[in-house]
mmCIF file of all heavy atoms, coordinates in Angstrom:
data_MODEL
# 
_entry.id   MODEL 
# 
loop_
_atom_site.group_PDB 
_atom_site.id 
_atom_site.type_symbol 
_atom_site.label_atom_id 
_atom_site.label_alt_id 
_atom_site.label_comp_id 
_atom_site.label_asym_id 
_atom_site.label_entity_id 
_atom_site.label_seq_id 
_atom_site.pdbx_PDB_ins_code 
_atom_site.Cartn_x 
_atom_site.Cartn_y 
_atom_site.Cartn_z 
_atom_site.occupancy 
_atom_site.B_iso_or_equiv 
_atom_site.pdbx_formal_charge 
_atom_site.auth_seq_id 
_atom_site.auth_comp_id 
_atom_site.auth_asym_id 
_atom_site.auth_atom_id 
_atom_site.pdbx_PDB_model_num 
ATOM 1   N N   . LEU A 1 1  ? -27.727 21.019 -52.993 1.00 0.00 ? 1  LEU A N   1 
ATOM 2   C CA  . LEU A 1 1  ? -27.463 20.312 -51.724 1.00 0.00 ? 1  LEU A CA  1 
ATOM 3   C C   . LEU A 1 1  ? -26.314 19.322 -51.882 1.00 0.00 ? 1  LEU A C   1 
ATOM 4   O O   . LEU A 1 1  ? -25.419 19.240 -51.032 1.00 0.00 ? 1  LEU A O   1 
ATOM 5   C CB  . LEU A 1 1  ? -28.719 19.561 -51.268 1.00 0.00 ? 1  LEU A CB  1 
ATOM 6   C CG  . LEU A 1 1  ? -29.831 20.370 -50.606 1.00 0.00 ? 1  LEU A CG  1 
ATOM 7   C CD1 . LEU A 1 1  ? -31.090 19.526 -50.472 1.00 0.00 ? 1  LEU A CD1 1 
ATOM 8   C CD2 . LEU A 1 1  ? -29.388 20.862 -49.237 1.00 0.00 ? 1  LEU A CD2 1 
ATOM 9   N N   . ASN A 1 2  ? -26.339 18.552 -52.975 1.00 0.00 ? 2  ASN A N   1 
ATOM 10  C CA  . ASN A 1 2  ? -25.299 17.549 -53.221 1.00 0.00 ? 2  ASN A CA  1 
ATOM 11  C C   . ASN A 1 2  ? -23.943 18.214 -53.393 1.00 0.00 ? 2  ASN A C   1 
ATOM 12  O O   . ASN A 1 2  ? -22.946 17.807 -52.778 1.00 0.00 ? 2  ASN A O   1 
ATOM 13  C CB  . ASN A 1 2  ? -25.649 16.748 -54.475 1.00 0.00 ? 2  ASN A CB  1 
ATOM 14  C CG  . ASN A 1 2  ? -24.593 15.702 -54.803 1.00 0.00 ? 2  ASN A CG  1 
ATOM 15  O OD1 . ASN A 1 2  ? -24.673 14.562 -54.379 1.00 0.00 ? 2  ASN A OD1 1 
ATOM 16  N ND2 . ASN A 1 2  ? -23.577 16.085 -55.568 1.00 0.00 ? 2  ASN A ND2 1 
ATOM 17  N N   . HIS A 1 3  ? -23.890 19.243 -54.238 1.00 0.00 ? 3  HIS A N   1 
ATOM 18  C CA  . HIS A 1 3  ? -22.602 19.866 -54.533 1.00 0.00 ? 3  HIS A CA  1 
ATOM 19  C C   . HIS A 1 3  ? -22.045 20.615 -53.323 1.00 0.00 ? 3  HIS A C   1 
ATOM 20  O O   . HIS A 1 3  ? -20.818 20.701 -53.155 1.00 0.00 ? 3  HIS A O   1 
ATOM 21  C CB  . HIS A 1 3  ? -22.729 20.808 -55.734 1.00 0.00 ? 3  HIS A CB  1 
ATOM 22  C CG  . HIS A 1 3  ? -22.855 20.086 -57.055 1.00 0.00 ? 3  HIS A CG  1 
ATOM 23  N ND1 . HIS A 1 3  ? -22.829 18.718 -57.158 1.00 0.00 ? 3  HIS A ND1 1 
ATOM 24  C CD2 . HIS A 1 3  ? -22.997 20.544 -58.338 1.00 0.00 ? 3  HIS A CD2 1 
ATOM 25  C CE1 . HIS A 1 3  ? -22.955 18.366 -58.433 1.00 0.00 ? 3  HIS A CE1 1 
ATOM 26  N NE2 . HIS A 1 3  ? -23.064 19.455 -59.161 1.00 0.00 ? 3  HIS A NE2 1 
ATOM 27  N N   . LEU A 1 4  ? -22.923 21.155 -52.476 1.00 0.00 ? 4  LEU A N   1 
ATOM 28  C CA  . LEU A 1 4  ? -22.429 21.802 -51.254 1.00 0.00 ? 4  LEU A CA  1 
ATOM 29  C C   . LEU A 1 4  ? -21.843 20.774 -50.289 1.00 0.00 ? 4  LEU A C   1 
ATOM 30  O O   . LEU A 1 4  ? -20.796 21.011 -49.671 1.00 0.00 ? 4  LEU A O   1 
ATOM 31  C CB  . LEU A 1 4  ? -23.552 22.588 -50.572 1.00 0.00 ? 4  LEU A CB  1 
ATOM 32  C CG  . LEU A 1 4  ? -24.011 23.873 -51.263 1.00 0.00 ? 4  LEU A CG  1 
ATOM 33  C CD1 . LEU A 1 4  ? -25.173 24.507 -50.515 1.00 0.00 ? 4  LEU A CD1 1 
ATOM 34  C CD2 . LEU A 1 4  ? -22.872 24.882 -51.400 1.00 0.00 ? 4  LEU A CD2 1 
ATOM 35  N N   . MET A 1 5  ? -22.516 19.641 -50.163 1.00 0.00 ? 5  MET A N   1 
ATOM 36  C CA  . MET A 1 5  ? -21.967 18.559 -49.328 1.00 0.00 ? 5  MET A CA  1 
ATOM 37  C C   . MET A 1 5  ? -20.629 18.091 -49.897 1.00 0.00 ? 5  MET A C   1 
ATOM 38  O O   . MET A 1 5  ? -19.655 17.887 -49.163 1.00 0.00 ? 5  MET A O   1 
ATOM 39  C CB  . MET A 1 5  ? -22.955 17.401 -49.255 1.00 0.00 ? 5  MET A CB  1 
ATOM 40  C CG  . MET A 1 5  ? -22.406 16.146 -48.597 1.00 0.00 ? 5  MET A CG  1 
ATOM 41  S SD  . MET A 1 5  ? -21.998 16.362 -46.871 1.00 0.00 ? 5  MET A SD  1 
ATOM 42  C CE  . MET A 1 5  ? -23.560 15.953 -46.119 1.00 0.00 ? 5  MET A CE  1 
ATOM 43  N N   . TRP A 1 6  ? -20.574 17.922 -51.234 1.00 0.00 ? 6  TRP A N   1 
ATOM 44  C CA  . TRP A 1 6  ? -19.335 17.476 -51.874 1.00 0.00 ? 6  TRP A CA  1 
ATOM 45  C C   . TRP A 1 6  ? -18.215 18.485 -51.630 1.00 0.00 ? 6  TRP A C   1 
ATOM 46  O O   . TRP A 1 6  ? -17.099 18.109 -51.251 1.00 0.00 ? 6  TRP A O   1 
ATOM 47  C CB  . TRP A 1 6  ? -19.562 17.303 -53.381 1.00 0.00 ? 6  TRP A CB  1 
ATOM 48  C CG  . TRP A 1 6  ? -18.263 17.173 -54.118 1.00 0.00 ? 6  TRP A CG  1 
ATOM 49  C CD1 . TRP A 1 6  ? -17.505 16.047 -54.236 1.00 0.00 ? 6  TRP A CD1 1 
ATOM 50  C CD2 . TRP A 1 6  ? -17.538 18.223 -54.777 1.00 0.00 ? 6  TRP A CD2 1 
ATOM 51  N NE1 . TRP A 1 6  ? -16.345 16.329 -54.940 1.00 0.00 ? 6  TRP A NE1 1 
ATOM 52  C CE2 . TRP A 1 6  ? -16.348 17.649 -55.274 1.00 0.00 ? 6  TRP A CE2 1 
ATOM 53  C CE3 . TRP A 1 6  ? -17.780 19.580 -54.998 1.00 0.00 ? 6  TRP A CE3 1 
ATOM 54  C CZ2 . TRP A 1 6  ? -15.409 18.393 -55.982 1.00 0.00 ? 6  TRP A CZ2 1 
ATOM 55  C CZ3 . TRP A 1 6  ? -16.847 20.324 -55.695 1.00 0.00 ? 6  TRP A CZ3 1 
ATOM 56  C CH2 . TRP A 1 6  ? -15.677 19.728 -56.174 1.00 0.00 ? 6  TRP A CH2 1 
ATOM 57  N N   . LEU A 1 7  ? -18.510 19.769 -51.853 1.00 0.00 ? 7  LEU A N   1 
ATOM 58  C CA  . LEU A 1 7  ? -17.474 20.799 -51.730 1.00 0.00 ? 7  LEU A CA  1 
ATOM 59  C C   . LEU A 1 7  ? -16.962 20.887 -50.293 1.00 0.00 ? 7  LEU A C   1 
ATOM 60  O O   . LEU A 1 7  ? -15.751 20.969 -50.056 1.00 0.00 ? 7  LEU A O   1 
ATOM 61  C CB  . LEU A 1 7  ? -18.040 22.151 -52.188 1.00 0.00 ? 7  LEU A CB  1 
ATOM 62  C CG  . LEU A 1 7  ? -17.064 23.318 -52.296 1.00 0.00 ? 7  LEU A CG  1 
ATOM 63  C CD1 . LEU A 1 7  ? -15.924 22.991 -53.255 1.00 0.00 ? 7  LEU A CD1 1 
ATOM 64  C CD2 . LEU A 1 7  ? -17.794 24.580 -52.751 1.00 0.00 ? 7  LEU A CD2 1 
ATOM 65  N N   . GLY A 1 8  ? -17.884 20.832 -49.337 1.00 0.00 ? 8  GLY A N   1 
ATOM 66  C CA  . GLY A 1 8  ? -17.469 20.888 -47.935 1.00 0.00 ? 8  GLY A CA  1 
ATOM 67  C C   . GLY A 1 8  ? -16.644 19.685 -47.532 1.00 0.00 ? 8  GLY A C   1 
ATOM 68  O O   . GLY A 1 8  ? -15.588 19.816 -46.888 1.00 0.00 ? 8  GLY A O   1 
ATOM 69  N N   . ALA A 1 9  ? -17.096 18.481 -47.923 1.00 0.00 ? 9  ALA A N   1 
ATOM 70  C CA  . ALA A 1 9  ? -16.391 17.247 -47.537 1.00 0.00 ? 9  ALA A CA  1 
ATOM 71  C C   . ALA A 1 9  ? -15.062 17.116 -48.287 1.00 0.00 ? 9  ALA A C   1 
ATOM 72  O O   . ALA A 1 9  ? -14.047 16.708 -47.707 1.00 0.00 ? 9  ALA A O   1 
ATOM 73  C CB  . ALA A 1 9  ? -17.277 16.035 -47.819 1.00 0.00 ? 9  ALA A CB  1 
ATOM 74  N N   . HIS A 1 10 ? -15.047 17.460 -49.582 1.00 0.00 ? 10 HIS A N   1 
ATOM 75  C CA  . HIS A 1 10 ? -13.821 17.386 -50.384 1.00 0.00 ? 10 HIS A CA  1 
ATOM 76  C C   . HIS A 1 10 ? -12.786 18.360 -49.832 1.00 0.00 ? 10 HIS A C   1 
ATOM 77  O O   . HIS A 1 10 ? -11.596 18.029 -49.710 1.00 0.00 ? 10 HIS A O   1 
ATOM 78  C CB  . HIS A 1 10 ? -14.166 17.720 -51.835 1.00 0.00 ? 10 HIS A CB  1 
ATOM 79  C CG  . HIS A 1 10 ? -13.056 17.493 -52.809 1.00 0.00 ? 10 HIS A CG  1 
ATOM 80  N ND1 . HIS A 1 10 ? -12.118 16.485 -52.662 1.00 0.00 ? 10 HIS A ND1 1 
ATOM 81  C CD2 . HIS A 1 10 ? -12.723 18.141 -53.965 1.00 0.00 ? 10 HIS A CD2 1 
ATOM 82  C CE1 . HIS A 1 10 ? -11.271 16.525 -53.689 1.00 0.00 ? 10 HIS A CE1 1 
ATOM 83  N NE2 . HIS A 1 10 ? -11.613 17.529 -54.478 1.00 0.00 ? 10 HIS A NE2 1 
ATOM 84  N N   . GLY A 1 11 ? -13.243 19.559 -49.484 1.00 0.00 ? 11 GLY A N   1 
ATOM 85  C CA  . GLY A 1 11 ? -12.333 20.529 -48.883 1.00 0.00 ? 11 GLY A CA  1 
ATOM 86  C C   . GLY A 1 11 ? -11.765 20.017 -47.570 1.00 0.00 ? 11 GLY A C   1 
ATOM 87  O O   . GLY A 1 11 ? -10.563 20.104 -47.311 1.00 0.00 ? 11 GLY A O   1 
ATOM 88  N N   . LEU A 1 12 ? -12.633 19.441 -46.735 1.00 0.00 ? 12 LEU A N   1 
ATOM 89  C CA  . LEU A 1 12 ? -12.214 18.891 -45.444 1.00 0.00 ? 12 LEU A CA  1 
ATOM 90  C C   . LEU A 1 12 ? -11.162 17.793 -45.645 1.00 0.00 ? 12 LEU A C   1 
ATOM 91  O O   . LEU A 1 12 ? -10.176 17.708 -44.905 1.00 0.00 ? 12 LEU A O   1 
ATOM 92  C CB  . LEU A 1 12 ? -13.437 18.317 -44.739 1.00 0.00 ? 12 LEU A CB  1 
ATOM 93  C CG  . LEU A 1 12 ? -13.433 18.181 -43.224 1.00 0.00 ? 12 LEU A CG  1 
ATOM 94  C CD1 . LEU A 1 12 ? -13.245 19.534 -42.550 1.00 0.00 ? 12 LEU A CD1 1 
ATOM 95  C CD2 . LEU A 1 12 ? -14.741 17.550 -42.758 1.00 0.00 ? 12 LEU A CD2 1 
ATOM 96  N N   . ASP A 1 13 ? -11.374 16.953 -46.683 1.00 0.00 ? 13 ASP A N   1 
ATOM 97  C CA  . ASP A 1 13 ? -10.464 15.836 -46.958 1.00 0.00 ? 13 ASP A CA  1 
ATOM 98  C C   . ASP A 1 13 ? -9.054  16.300 -47.299 1.00 0.00 ? 13 ASP A C   1 
ATOM 99  O O   . ASP A 1 13 ? -8.071  15.669 -46.910 1.00 0.00 ? 13 ASP A O   1 
ATOM 100 C CB  . ASP A 1 13 ? -10.987 14.989 -48.125 1.00 0.00 ? 13 ASP A CB  1 
ATOM 101 C CG  . ASP A 1 13 ? -12.186 14.143 -47.755 1.00 0.00 ? 13 ASP A CG  1 
ATOM 102 O OD1 . ASP A 1 13 ? -12.424 13.974 -46.548 1.00 0.00 ? 13 ASP A OD1 1 
ATOM 103 O OD2 . ASP A 1 13 ? -12.866 13.655 -48.668 1.00 0.00 ? 13 ASP A OD2 1 
ATOM 104 N N   . ILE A 1 14 ? -8.955  17.385 -48.069 1.00 0.00 ? 14 ILE A N   1 
ATOM 105 C CA  . ILE A 1 14 ? -7.616  17.756 -48.558 1.00 0.00 ? 14 ILE A CA  1 
ATOM 106 C C   . ILE A 1 14 ? -7.120  19.084 -47.997 1.00 0.00 ? 14 ILE A C   1 
ATOM 107 O O   . ILE A 1 14 ? -6.272  19.741 -48.580 1.00 0.00 ? 14 ILE A O   1 
ATOM 108 C CB  . ILE A 1 14 ? -7.542  17.734 -50.105 1.00 0.00 ? 14 ILE A CB  1 
ATOM 109 C CG1 . ILE A 1 14 ? -8.544  18.667 -50.754 1.00 0.00 ? 14 ILE A CG1 1 
ATOM 110 C CG2 . ILE A 1 14 ? -7.732  16.331 -50.623 1.00 0.00 ? 14 ILE A CG2 1 
ATOM 111 C CD1 . ILE A 1 14 ? -8.423  18.722 -52.283 1.00 0.00 ? 14 ILE A CD1 1 
ATOM 112 N N   . GLY A 1 15 ? -7.685  19.448 -46.822 1.00 0.00 ? 15 GLY A N   1 
ATOM 113 C CA  . GLY A 1 15 ? -7.059  20.514 -46.055 1.00 0.00 ? 15 GLY A CA  1 
ATOM 114 C C   . GLY A 1 15 ? -7.746  21.855 -46.023 1.00 0.00 ? 15 GLY A C   1 
ATOM 115 O O   . GLY A 1 15 ? -7.284  22.757 -45.322 1.00 0.00 ? 15 GLY A O   1 
ATOM 116 N N   . ALA A 1 16 ? -8.830  22.043 -46.781 1.00 0.00 ? 16 ALA A N   1 
ATOM 117 C CA  . ALA A 1 16 ? -9.536  23.329 -46.758 1.00 0.00 ? 16 ALA A CA  1 
ATOM 118 C C   . ALA A 1 16 ? -10.661 23.244 -45.725 1.00 0.00 ? 16 ALA A C   1 
ATOM 119 O O   . ALA A 1 16 ? -11.834 23.103 -46.057 1.00 0.00 ? 16 ALA A O   1 
ATOM 120 C CB  . ALA A 1 16 ? -10.083 23.659 -48.144 1.00 0.00 ? 16 ALA A CB  1 
ATOM 121 N N   . MET A 1 17 ? -10.303 23.328 -44.471 1.00 0.00 ? 17 MET A N   1 
ATOM 122 C CA  . MET A 1 17 ? -11.216 23.027 -43.372 1.00 0.00 ? 17 MET A CA  1 
ATOM 123 C C   . MET A 1 17 ? -12.433 23.942 -43.331 1.00 0.00 ? 17 MET A C   1 
ATOM 124 O O   . MET A 1 17 ? -13.542 23.516 -43.028 1.00 0.00 ? 17 MET A O   1 
ATOM 125 C CB  . MET A 1 17 ? -10.472 23.134 -42.035 1.00 0.00 ? 17 MET A CB  1 
ATOM 126 C CG  . MET A 1 17 ? -9.215  22.307 -41.957 1.00 0.00 ? 17 MET A CG  1 
ATOM 127 S SD  . MET A 1 17 ? -9.549  20.558 -41.804 1.00 0.00 ? 17 MET A SD  1 
ATOM 128 C CE  . MET A 1 17 ? -10.120 20.457 -40.136 1.00 0.00 ? 17 MET A CE  1 
ATOM 129 N N   . THR A 1 18 ? -12.246 25.226 -43.631 1.00 0.00 ? 18 THR A N   1 
ATOM 130 C CA  . THR A 1 18 ? -13.324 26.204 -43.466 1.00 0.00 ? 18 THR A CA  1 
ATOM 131 C C   . THR A 1 18 ? -14.495 25.959 -44.412 1.00 0.00 ? 18 THR A C   1 
ATOM 132 O O   . THR A 1 18 ? -15.621 26.341 -44.114 1.00 0.00 ? 18 THR A O   1 
ATOM 133 C CB  . THR A 1 18 ? -12.775 27.625 -43.727 1.00 0.00 ? 18 THR A CB  1 
ATOM 134 O OG1 . THR A 1 18 ? -11.489 27.733 -43.141 1.00 0.00 ? 18 THR A OG1 1 
ATOM 135 C CG2 . THR A 1 18 ? -13.686 28.684 -43.150 1.00 0.00 ? 18 THR A CG2 1 
ATOM 136 N N   . MET A 1 19 ? -14.224 25.324 -45.552 1.00 0.00 ? 19 MET A N   1 
ATOM 137 C CA  . MET A 1 19 ? -15.272 25.140 -46.564 1.00 0.00 ? 19 MET A CA  1 
ATOM 138 C C   . MET A 1 19 ? -16.490 24.422 -46.000 1.00 0.00 ? 19 MET A C   1 
ATOM 139 O O   . MET A 1 19 ? -17.629 24.716 -46.370 1.00 0.00 ? 19 MET A O   1 
ATOM 140 C CB  . MET A 1 19 ? -14.733 24.333 -47.758 1.00 0.00 ? 19 MET A CB  1 
ATOM 141 C CG  . MET A 1 19 ? -13.849 25.101 -48.684 1.00 0.00 ? 19 MET A CG  1 
ATOM 142 S SD  . MET A 1 19 ? -14.555 26.680 -49.170 1.00 0.00 ? 19 MET A SD  1 
ATOM 143 C CE  . MET A 1 19 ? -16.102 26.177 -49.864 1.00 0.00 ? 19 MET A CE  1 
ATOM 144 N N   . PHE A 1 20 ? -16.271 23.475 -45.124 1.00 0.00 ? 20 PHE A N   1 
ATOM 145 C CA  . PHE A 1 20 ? -17.370 22.683 -44.569 1.00 0.00 ? 20 PHE A CA  1 
ATOM 146 C C   . PHE A 1 20 ? -18.373 23.596 -43.857 1.00 0.00 ? 20 PHE A C   1 
ATOM 147 O O   . PHE A 1 20 ? -19.584 23.449 -44.012 1.00 0.00 ? 20 PHE A O   1 
ATOM 148 C CB  . PHE A 1 20 ? -16.801 21.646 -43.596 1.00 0.00 ? 20 PHE A CB  1 
ATOM 149 C CG  . PHE A 1 20 ? -17.735 20.512 -43.299 1.00 0.00 ? 20 PHE A CG  1 
ATOM 150 C CD1 . PHE A 1 20 ? -17.939 19.508 -44.230 1.00 0.00 ? 20 PHE A CD1 1 
ATOM 151 C CD2 . PHE A 1 20 ? -18.416 20.448 -42.098 1.00 0.00 ? 20 PHE A CD2 1 
ATOM 152 C CE1 . PHE A 1 20 ? -18.797 18.444 -43.966 1.00 0.00 ? 20 PHE A CE1 1 
ATOM 153 C CE2 . PHE A 1 20 ? -19.280 19.392 -41.819 1.00 0.00 ? 20 PHE A CE2 1 
ATOM 154 C CZ  . PHE A 1 20 ? -19.467 18.391 -42.763 1.00 0.00 ? 20 PHE A CZ  1 
ATOM 155 N N   . LEU A 1 21 ? -17.871 24.556 -43.113 1.00 0.00 ? 21 LEU A N   1 
ATOM 156 C CA  . LEU A 1 21 ? -18.738 25.475 -42.368 1.00 0.00 ? 21 LEU A CA  1 
ATOM 157 C C   . LEU A 1 21 ? -19.504 26.394 -43.320 1.00 0.00 ? 21 LEU A C   1 
ATOM 158 O O   . LEU A 1 21 ? -20.694 26.641 -43.135 1.00 0.00 ? 21 LEU A O   1 
ATOM 159 C CB  . LEU A 1 21 ? -17.906 26.306 -41.389 1.00 0.00 ? 21 LEU A CB  1 
ATOM 160 C CG  . LEU A 1 21 ? -17.068 25.505 -40.386 1.00 0.00 ? 21 LEU A CG  1 
ATOM 161 C CD1 . LEU A 1 21 ? -16.189 26.432 -39.564 1.00 0.00 ? 21 LEU A CD1 1 
ATOM 162 C CD2 . LEU A 1 21 ? -17.965 24.690 -39.466 1.00 0.00 ? 21 LEU A CD2 1 
ATOM 163 N N   . TYR A 1 22 ? -18.822 26.895 -44.346 1.00 0.00 ? 22 TYR A N   1 
ATOM 164 C CA  . TYR A 1 22 ? -19.478 27.769 -45.314 1.00 0.00 ? 22 TYR A CA  1 
ATOM 165 C C   . TYR A 1 22 ? -20.597 27.029 -46.048 1.00 0.00 ? 22 TYR A C   1 
ATOM 166 O O   . TYR A 1 22 ? -21.698 27.543 -46.208 1.00 0.00 ? 22 TYR A O   1 
ATOM 167 C CB  . TYR A 1 22 ? -18.450 28.276 -46.347 1.00 0.00 ? 22 TYR A CB  1 
ATOM 168 C CG  . TYR A 1 22 ? -17.693 29.500 -45.921 1.00 0.00 ? 22 TYR A CG  1 
ATOM 169 C CD1 . TYR A 1 22 ? -16.666 29.432 -44.988 1.00 0.00 ? 22 TYR A CD1 1 
ATOM 170 C CD2 . TYR A 1 22 ? -17.988 30.742 -46.464 1.00 0.00 ? 22 TYR A CD2 1 
ATOM 171 C CE1 . TYR A 1 22 ? -15.957 30.553 -44.599 1.00 0.00 ? 22 TYR A CE1 1 
ATOM 172 C CE2 . TYR A 1 22 ? -17.289 31.879 -46.093 1.00 0.00 ? 22 TYR A CE2 1 
ATOM 173 C CZ  . TYR A 1 22 ? -16.282 31.776 -45.155 1.00 0.00 ? 22 TYR A CZ  1 
ATOM 174 O OH  . TYR A 1 22 ? -15.593 32.902 -44.767 1.00 0.00 ? 22 TYR A OH  1 
ATOM 175 N N   . CYS A 1 23 ? -20.303 25.819 -46.509 1.00 0.00 ? 23 CYS A N   1 
ATOM 176 C CA  . CYS A 1 23 ? -21.279 25.063 -47.320 1.00 0.00 ? 23 CYS A CA  1 
ATOM 177 C C   . CYS A 1 23 ? -22.502 24.669 -46.499 1.00 0.00 ? 23 CYS A C   1 
ATOM 178 O O   . CYS A 1 23 ? -23.631 24.718 -46.999 1.00 0.00 ? 23 CYS A O   1 
ATOM 179 C CB  . CYS A 1 23 ? -20.622 23.822 -47.913 1.00 0.00 ? 23 CYS A CB  1 
ATOM 180 S SG  . CYS A 1 23 ? -19.394 24.198 -49.171 1.00 0.00 ? 23 CYS A SG  1 
ATOM 181 N N   . PHE A 1 24 ? -22.289 24.307 -45.250 1.00 0.00 ? 24 PHE A N   1 
ATOM 182 C CA  . PHE A 1 24 ? -23.429 23.890 -44.432 1.00 0.00 ? 24 PHE A CA  1 
ATOM 183 C C   . PHE A 1 24 ? -24.313 25.068 -44.034 1.00 0.00 ? 24 PHE A C   1 
ATOM 184 O O   . PHE A 1 24 ? -25.487 24.892 -43.725 1.00 0.00 ? 24 PHE A O   1 
ATOM 185 C CB  . PHE A 1 24 ? -22.951 23.104 -43.210 1.00 0.00 ? 24 PHE A CB  1 
ATOM 186 C CG  . PHE A 1 24 ? -22.956 21.630 -43.465 1.00 0.00 ? 24 PHE A CG  1 
ATOM 187 C CD1 . PHE A 1 24 ? -22.032 21.065 -44.333 1.00 0.00 ? 24 PHE A CD1 1 
ATOM 188 C CD2 . PHE A 1 24 ? -23.899 20.806 -42.883 1.00 0.00 ? 24 PHE A CD2 1 
ATOM 189 C CE1 . PHE A 1 24 ? -22.040 19.706 -44.609 1.00 0.00 ? 24 PHE A CE1 1 
ATOM 190 C CE2 . PHE A 1 24 ? -23.923 19.454 -43.151 1.00 0.00 ? 24 PHE A CE2 1 
ATOM 191 C CZ  . PHE A 1 24 ? -22.996 18.895 -44.016 1.00 0.00 ? 24 PHE A CZ  1 
ATOM 192 N N   . ARG A 1 25 ? -23.773 26.255 -44.078 1.00 0.00 ? 25 ARG A N   1 
ATOM 193 C CA  . ARG A 1 25 ? -24.583 27.453 -43.819 1.00 0.00 ? 25 ARG A CA  1 
ATOM 194 C C   . ARG A 1 25 ? -25.727 27.549 -44.833 1.00 0.00 ? 25 ARG A C   1 
ATOM 195 O O   . ARG A 1 25 ? -26.884 27.767 -44.464 1.00 0.00 ? 25 ARG A O   1 
ATOM 196 C CB  . ARG A 1 25 ? -23.663 28.681 -43.921 1.00 0.00 ? 25 ARG A CB  1 
ATOM 197 C CG  . ARG A 1 25 ? -24.322 30.013 -43.719 1.00 0.00 ? 25 ARG A CG  1 
ATOM 198 C CD  . ARG A 1 25 ? -23.324 31.122 -44.013 1.00 0.00 ? 25 ARG A CD  1 
ATOM 199 N NE  . ARG A 1 25 ? -22.853 31.074 -45.398 1.00 0.00 ? 25 ARG A NE  1 
ATOM 200 C CZ  . ARG A 1 25 ? -21.883 31.856 -45.883 1.00 0.00 ? 25 ARG A CZ  1 
ATOM 201 N NH1 . ARG A 1 25 ? -21.264 32.704 -45.093 1.00 0.00 ? 25 ARG A NH1 1 
ATOM 202 N NH2 . ARG A 1 25 ? -21.522 31.762 -47.154 1.00 0.00 ? 25 ARG A NH2 1 
# 
């Protein structure tokens, strides 16, 4: 749960917008 939140938010921060949607799935 932690690493998915991190990956989605980190991606969102530096331009990988889609990651947030994948991780929250």
